[in-house]
Amino acid sequence: MAVLQNRLELSSEGALIVLQAATAKAQEIGVPQCIAIVDRGGHLLAFLRMDGAKVLSQWSATQKAVTAASSAKPSGELAEPLAAGLVAATQGRFTNLRGGLPIMVSGCLVGAIGVGSGTAEQDLIVAQAGIDALLACLA
C-alpha cells in the first residue's frame, strides 16, 4: 500500500521562467498583460501586471490559472450551463474565459498559467510561450 506519492512540483524558480517568457512574448506582440502562475493546487506562485494591462484582468488571469490547474484542461472549454454552475459553486473562482493553460511535465500536472488583458487568442499565445520556455529548460 502506497501512503505517499512522488510528484513533480513547479518551483518558484520554474514559475519565474514561465512568467519571464510570457512577459517577453506579450512585449513582442505589443499587448500588455496580467500573467498569473499557480501550482497544481491553484496557489499563486508568480504574478505580474504589465504596465498598461487592464486592472481588472488581474482577477481574471488568476481565475484562468486556477481553473486550468483544477481541471488540468485549458479554461474556456466547458458548455455554458455547466460553466455557470461551476462559477456559482466555486464562488467565482472558476471561470470559463479562455486564456488559462495547464502546465504539464511528463504527463503530470505541475501548475497552470492564466493570462488576461488581450484577446483570447493573444492571451493563449502568451500563455503557451511561458509553458514552452519551461519545457525547453527541462529538455
Protein backbone atom coordinates (compact mmCIF):
# COMPACT_ATOMS: atom_id res chain seq x y z
CA MET A 1 0.00 0.00 0.00
CA ALA A 2 1.41 3.39 -1.02
CA VAL A 3 0.92 6.04 1.64
CA LEU A 4 2.97 8.74 -0.08
CA GLN A 5 3.03 9.98 -3.63
CA ASN A 6 6.09 11.10 -5.53
CA ARG A 7 5.04 14.06 -7.69
CA LEU A 8 6.67 16.73 -9.76
CA GLU A 9 6.22 20.22 -8.30
CA LEU A 10 6.53 23.58 -10.04
CA SER A 11 9.06 25.60 -8.06
CA SER A 12 9.14 29.36 -7.66
CA GLU A 13 12.17 29.34 -9.98
CA GLY A 14 10.15 27.45 -12.60
CA ALA A 15 7.25 29.87 -12.18
CA LEU A 16 9.59 32.79 -12.84
CA ILE A 17 10.85 31.13 -16.03
CA VAL A 18 7.24 30.85 -17.21
CA LEU A 19 6.49 34.44 -16.17
CA GLN A 20 9.55 35.92 -17.85
CA ALA A 21 8.94 34.13 -21.15
CA ALA A 22 5.25 35.03 -21.15
CA THR A 23 6.14 38.66 -20.44
CA ALA A 24 8.64 38.67 -23.30
CA LYS A 25 6.00 37.30 -25.69
CA ALA A 26 3.48 39.92 -24.55
CA GLN A 27 6.06 42.63 -25.22
CA GLU A 28 6.86 41.09 -28.61
CA ILE A 29 3.20 41.18 -29.72
CA GLY A 30 2.68 44.61 -28.16
CA VAL A 31 -0.08 43.63 -25.71
CA PRO A 32 0.48 44.40 -22.02
CA GLN A 33 -0.88 41.50 -19.98
CA CYS A 34 -1.69 40.31 -16.50
CA ILE A 35 0.04 36.95 -16.03
CA ALA A 36 -0.57 34.54 -13.15
CA ILE A 37 1.24 31.27 -12.47
CA VAL A 38 -0.15 28.82 -9.91
CA ASP A 39 0.90 25.43 -8.59
CA ARG A 40 -1.26 22.37 -9.22
CA GLY A 41 -3.39 23.24 -6.18
CA GLY A 42 -4.16 26.69 -7.59
CA HIS A 43 -1.91 28.57 -5.17
CA LEU A 44 -0.32 31.67 -6.64
CA LEU A 45 3.42 31.35 -7.28
CA ALA A 46 4.07 34.38 -9.50
CA PHE A 47 2.11 37.31 -10.88
CA LEU A 48 2.79 40.38 -13.00
CA ARG A 49 0.54 43.18 -14.17
CA MET A 50 2.49 44.74 -17.02
CA ASP A 51 2.35 48.50 -17.43
CA GLY A 52 -0.78 49.27 -19.42
CA ALA A 53 -2.56 45.98 -18.71
CA LYS A 54 -6.21 46.23 -17.72
CA VAL A 55 -6.59 46.47 -13.95
CA LEU A 56 -9.48 44.01 -13.68
CA SER A 57 -7.58 41.45 -15.72
CA GLN A 58 -5.50 40.71 -12.63
CA TRP A 59 -8.52 38.81 -11.27
CA SER A 60 -9.46 37.04 -14.49
CA ALA A 61 -5.85 35.98 -15.17
CA THR A 62 -5.65 34.40 -11.73
CA GLN A 63 -9.05 32.74 -12.16
CA LYS A 64 -7.99 31.35 -15.53
CA ALA A 65 -4.86 29.83 -13.97
CA VAL A 66 -6.80 28.34 -11.04
CA THR A 67 -9.41 26.92 -13.42
CA ALA A 68 -6.75 25.31 -15.63
CA ALA A 69 -4.96 23.86 -12.60
CA SER A 70 -8.12 22.46 -11.04
CA SER A 71 -9.36 20.84 -14.25
CA ALA A 72 -5.99 20.03 -15.88
CA LYS A 73 -7.54 21.49 -19.06
CA PRO A 74 -7.50 24.88 -20.75
CA SER A 75 -10.01 27.35 -19.36
CA GLY A 76 -12.95 28.33 -21.52
CA GLU A 77 -13.86 24.91 -22.88
CA LEU A 78 -16.95 23.99 -20.89
CA ALA A 79 -20.54 24.18 -22.13
CA GLU A 80 -22.21 27.27 -20.72
CA PRO A 81 -24.83 25.69 -18.42
CA LEU A 82 -22.12 23.66 -16.67
CA ALA A 83 -19.73 26.60 -16.59
CA ALA A 84 -22.31 28.89 -14.98
CA GLY A 85 -22.98 26.27 -12.31
CA LEU A 86 -19.27 25.91 -11.56
CA VAL A 87 -18.85 29.67 -11.28
CA ALA A 88 -21.64 29.75 -8.70
CA ALA A 89 -20.44 26.63 -6.86
CA THR A 90 -16.88 27.97 -6.55
CA GLN A 91 -17.96 31.49 -5.60
CA GLY A 92 -16.35 32.91 -8.72
CA ARG A 93 -13.00 31.10 -8.51
CA PHE A 94 -13.82 29.15 -11.68
CA THR A 95 -14.04 31.00 -15.00
CA ASN A 96 -14.98 29.91 -18.48
CA LEU A 97 -12.88 32.63 -20.11
CA ARG A 98 -10.13 31.44 -22.45
CA GLY A 99 -6.51 32.19 -21.55
CA GLY A 100 -5.69 29.61 -18.88
CA LEU A 101 -3.49 26.61 -19.69
CA PRO A 102 -2.36 23.72 -17.52
CA ILE A 103 1.39 23.20 -17.24
CA MET A 104 2.09 19.52 -17.86
CA VAL A 105 5.51 17.90 -17.43
CA SER A 106 5.95 14.24 -18.37
CA GLY A 107 2.18 13.84 -18.36
CA CYS A 108 1.83 15.28 -14.84
CA LEU A 109 0.06 18.49 -13.91
CA VAL A 110 2.54 20.75 -12.12
CA GLY A 111 0.68 24.06 -12.32
CA ALA A 112 -1.04 26.45 -14.66
CA ILE A 113 -0.76 29.86 -16.25
CA GLY A 114 -3.53 32.38 -16.75
CA VAL A 115 -3.22 35.43 -18.96
CA GLY A 116 -5.63 38.31 -19.38
CA SER A 117 -5.88 41.74 -20.95
CA GLY A 118 -5.69 40.87 -24.64
CA THR A 119 -7.99 38.92 -26.89
CA ALA A 120 -8.46 35.23 -26.08
CA GLU A 121 -6.04 34.36 -28.88
CA GLN A 122 -3.40 36.81 -27.63
CA ASP A 123 -3.80 35.52 -24.08
CA LEU A 124 -3.25 31.94 -25.26
CA ILE A 125 -0.19 32.86 -27.34
CA VAL A 126 1.40 34.49 -24.29
CA ALA A 127 0.48 31.58 -22.00
CA GLN A 128 1.89 28.99 -24.41
CA ALA A 129 5.16 30.92 -24.73
CA GLY A 130 5.62 30.67 -20.97
CA ILE A 131 4.99 26.94 -20.96
CA ASP A 132 7.27 26.40 -23.94
CA ALA A 133 10.13 28.16 -22.16
CA LEU A 134 9.77 25.96 -19.09
CA LEU A 135 9.69 22.79 -21.18
CA ALA A 136 12.78 23.96 -23.11
CA CYS A 137 14.66 24.28 -19.80
CA LEU A 138 13.77 20.69 -18.96
CA ALA A 139 14.84 19.25 -22.31
